[in-house]
Amino acid sequence: KPSTSPSDSPSPSPTPNPTQPSCTSDMDLFDIVFAVDTSCRITEFECETQQKRIAETMTAVRSSFTTAVGTQTCFQQRIAYVEFGAGDNLKVLVPFTSTASTHPD
C-alpha cells in the first residue's frame, strides 16, 4: 500500500518492482500447472502472501501474446490453477482451456 505520508526526499535508488516481466512473443508454447494445497491451516495473512506470490509467478510466465489453436485464441503459455485439499477436494479454478476472453487476467 502507498504510504499515507510520503517522504519529502525519496530514495535515489528505490527497490525494484516485484512484478516480473512477462515472457516474450518468441517463446515456445508450454504448459504450467499451479497446484495449491489448501489442506494446511494458514492465517489470512499467509494466504494473501501465498496468493500474491502465485500471481507474481503467473505474470512472469504468461505473456499477453496469443496464438490460434483450432478455432480458439489461446495464450502461448497455457496455465492452469488447481486447488486441492484433504480427501477428494479438487477445484480447477483456471483450466488449460481458458482463453484470453474467459480469463484475461
C-alpha atoms as a PDB file:
ATOM      1  CA  LYS A   1       0.000   0.000   0.000  1.00  0.00           C
ATOM      2  CA  PRO A   2       1.210   3.524  -0.648  1.00  0.00           C
ATOM      3  CA  SER A   3       2.341   5.482   2.342  1.00  0.00           C
ATOM      4  CA  THR A   4      -0.137   7.935   3.857  1.00  0.00           C
ATOM      5  CA  SER A   5       2.784  10.282   4.487  1.00  0.00           C
ATOM      6  CA  PRO A   6       5.309  10.013   1.639  1.00  0.00           C
ATOM      7  CA  SER A   7       8.859  11.197   2.130  1.00  0.00           C
ATOM      8  CA  ASP A   8       9.859  14.719   1.102  1.00  0.00           C
ATOM      9  CA  SER A   9      13.153  13.270  -0.098  1.00  0.00           C
ATOM     10  CA  PRO A  10      12.595   9.890  -1.772  1.00  0.00           C
ATOM     11  CA  SER A  11      15.435   7.425  -2.212  1.00  0.00           C
ATOM     12  CA  PRO A  12      17.580   7.908  -5.329  1.00  0.00           C
ATOM     13  CA  SER A  13      17.697   4.105  -5.669  1.00  0.00           C
ATOM     14  CA  PRO A  14      14.282   2.627  -4.814  1.00  0.00           C
ATOM     15  CA  THR A  15      13.700  -1.103  -4.610  1.00  0.00           C
ATOM     16  CA  PRO A  16      12.782  -2.782  -7.904  1.00  0.00           C
ATOM     17  CA  ASN A  17       9.189  -3.553  -8.866  1.00  0.00           C
ATOM     18  CA  PRO A  18       8.312  -7.043  -7.520  1.00  0.00           C
ATOM     19  CA  THR A  19       6.295  -7.945 -10.630  1.00  0.00           C
ATOM     20  CA  GLN A  20       8.457  -9.874 -13.060  1.00  0.00           C
ATOM     21  CA  PRO A  21       8.438  -9.002 -16.761  1.00  0.00           C
ATOM     22  CA  SER A  22       6.295 -11.354 -18.820  1.00  0.00           C
ATOM     23  CA  CYS A  23       7.552 -13.832 -21.389  1.00  0.00           C
ATOM     24  CA  THR A  24       8.384 -12.594 -24.857  1.00  0.00           C
ATOM     25  CA  SER A  25       6.470 -13.424 -28.035  1.00  0.00           C
ATOM     26  CA  ASP A  26       9.281 -15.589 -29.409  1.00  0.00           C
ATOM     27  CA  MET A  27       8.974 -18.196 -26.641  1.00  0.00           C
ATOM     28  CA  ASP A  28       7.681 -21.641 -27.488  1.00  0.00           C
ATOM     29  CA  LEU A  29       4.305 -22.866 -26.343  1.00  0.00           C
ATOM     30  CA  PHE A  30       4.358 -24.538 -22.948  1.00  0.00           C
ATOM     31  CA  ASP A  31       2.023 -25.594 -20.130  1.00  0.00           C
ATOM     32  CA  ILE A  32       2.341 -24.964 -16.411  1.00  0.00           C
ATOM     33  CA  VAL A  33       0.044 -26.019 -13.561  1.00  0.00           C
ATOM     34  CA  PHE A  34      -0.119 -24.256 -10.222  1.00  0.00           C
ATOM     35  CA  ALA A  35      -1.259 -26.953  -7.789  1.00  0.00           C
ATOM     36  CA  VAL A  36      -2.058 -25.307  -4.451  1.00  0.00           C
ATOM     37  CA  ASP A  37      -2.550 -27.428  -1.334  1.00  0.00           C
ATOM     38  CA  THR A  38      -5.359 -25.904   0.734  1.00  0.00           C
ATOM     39  CA  SER A  39      -5.395 -28.607   3.421  1.00  0.00           C
ATOM     40  CA  CYS A  40      -2.790 -26.858   5.593  1.00  0.00           C
ATOM     41  CA  ARG A  41      -4.122 -24.352   8.057  1.00  0.00           C
ATOM     42  CA  ILE A  42      -2.599 -20.946   7.388  1.00  0.00           C
ATOM     43  CA  THR A  43      -3.512 -17.487   8.566  1.00  0.00           C
ATOM     44  CA  GLU A  44      -5.332 -14.983   6.366  1.00  0.00           C
ATOM     45  CA  PHE A  45      -2.090 -13.014   6.043  1.00  0.00           C
ATOM     46  CA  GLU A  46      -0.180 -16.147   4.966  1.00  0.00           C
ATOM     47  CA  CYS A  47      -2.921 -16.969   2.446  1.00  0.00           C
ATOM     48  CA  GLU A  48      -2.801 -13.451   0.962  1.00  0.00           C
ATOM     49  CA  THR A  49       1.003 -13.631   0.767  1.00  0.00           C
ATOM     50  CA  GLN A  50       0.818 -17.041  -0.922  1.00  0.00           C
ATOM     51  CA  GLN A  51      -1.725 -15.805  -3.484  1.00  0.00           C
ATOM     52  CA  LYS A  52       0.374 -12.702  -4.255  1.00  0.00           C
ATOM     53  CA  ARG A  53       3.445 -14.867  -4.867  1.00  0.00           C
ATOM     54  CA  ILE A  54       1.484 -17.187  -7.128  1.00  0.00           C
ATOM     55  CA  ALA A  55       0.099 -14.195  -9.048  1.00  0.00           C
ATOM     56  CA  GLU A  56       3.577 -12.707  -9.478  1.00  0.00           C
ATOM     57  CA  THR A  57       4.875 -16.045 -10.767  1.00  0.00           C
ATOM     58  CA  MET A  58       1.917 -16.328 -13.148  1.00  0.00           C
ATOM     59  CA  THR A  59       2.608 -12.866 -14.585  1.00  0.00           C
ATOM     60  CA  ALA A  60       6.238 -13.845 -15.087  1.00  0.00           C
ATOM     61  CA  VAL A  61       5.455 -16.955 -17.148  1.00  0.00           C
ATOM     62  CA  ARG A  62       2.300 -15.985 -19.036  1.00  0.00           C
ATOM     63  CA  SER A  63       2.647 -13.323 -21.663  1.00  0.00           C
ATOM     64  CA  SER A  64      -0.165 -11.401 -23.284  1.00  0.00           C
ATOM     65  CA  PHE A  65       0.674 -12.974 -26.651  1.00  0.00           C
ATOM     66  CA  THR A  66      -1.910 -15.301 -28.114  1.00  0.00           C
ATOM     67  CA  THR A  67      -1.948 -17.916 -30.832  1.00  0.00           C
ATOM     68  CA  ALA A  68      -4.705 -19.653 -32.769  1.00  0.00           C
ATOM     69  CA  VAL A  69      -5.316 -23.255 -31.750  1.00  0.00           C
ATOM     70  CA  GLY A  70      -8.077 -24.610 -33.947  1.00  0.00           C
ATOM     71  CA  THR A  71     -10.932 -22.140 -33.623  1.00  0.00           C
ATOM     72  CA  GLN A  72      -9.781 -20.786 -30.243  1.00  0.00           C
ATOM     73  CA  THR A  73      -7.386 -17.976 -29.454  1.00  0.00           C
ATOM     74  CA  CYS A  74      -5.189 -19.166 -26.600  1.00  0.00           C
ATOM     75  CA  PHE A  75      -2.303 -17.706 -24.669  1.00  0.00           C
ATOM     76  CA  GLN A  76       1.054 -19.015 -25.903  1.00  0.00           C
ATOM     77  CA  GLN A  77       1.874 -20.161 -22.379  1.00  0.00           C
ATOM     78  CA  ARG A  78      -1.088 -22.170 -21.087  1.00  0.00           C
ATOM     79  CA  ILE A  79      -1.616 -22.000 -17.337  1.00  0.00           C
ATOM     80  CA  ALA A  80      -3.909 -23.991 -15.096  1.00  0.00           C
ATOM     81  CA  TYR A  81      -4.622 -23.192 -11.444  1.00  0.00           C
ATOM     82  CA  VAL A  82      -5.806 -26.078  -9.261  1.00  0.00           C
ATOM     83  CA  GLU A  83      -6.555 -26.131  -5.532  1.00  0.00           C
ATOM     84  CA  PHE A  84      -6.660 -29.395  -3.644  1.00  0.00           C
ATOM     85  CA  GLY A  85      -7.092 -30.390  -0.021  1.00  0.00           C
ATOM     86  CA  ALA A  86      -7.768 -33.429   2.101  1.00  0.00           C
ATOM     87  CA  GLY A  87      -9.830 -36.210   0.540  1.00  0.00           C
ATOM     88  CA  ASP A  88     -11.433 -35.669  -2.856  1.00  0.00           C
ATOM     89  CA  ASN A  89     -11.452 -31.885  -2.623  1.00  0.00           C
ATOM     90  CA  LEU A  90     -10.103 -30.761  -6.025  1.00  0.00           C
ATOM     91  CA  LYS A  91     -11.050 -27.500  -7.753  1.00  0.00           C
ATOM     92  CA  VAL A  92      -9.806 -26.444 -11.178  1.00  0.00           C
ATOM     93  CA  LEU A  93     -10.191 -22.677 -10.975  1.00  0.00           C
ATOM     94  CA  VAL A  94      -8.395 -21.839 -14.235  1.00  0.00           C
ATOM     95  CA  PRO A  95      -8.322 -24.684 -16.798  1.00  0.00           C
ATOM     96  CA  PHE A  96      -5.837 -25.063 -19.663  1.00  0.00           C
ATOM     97  CA  THR A  97      -8.742 -24.367 -21.992  1.00  0.00           C
ATOM     98  CA  SER A  98      -9.103 -20.829 -20.659  1.00  0.00           C
ATOM     99  CA  THR A  99      -8.779 -18.185 -23.334  1.00  0.00           C
ATOM    100  CA  ALA A 100      -7.866 -14.526 -23.461  1.00  0.00           C
ATOM    101  CA  SER A 101     -11.593 -13.708 -23.328  1.00  0.00           C
ATOM    102  CA  THR A 102     -12.562 -16.099 -20.489  1.00  0.00           C
ATOM    103  CA  HIS A 103      -9.585 -15.383 -18.183  1.00  0.00           C
ATOM    104  CA  PRO A 104      -7.959 -12.118 -19.337  1.00  0.00           C
ATOM    105  CA  ASP A 105      -6.070 -11.589 -16.064  1.00  0.00           C
END
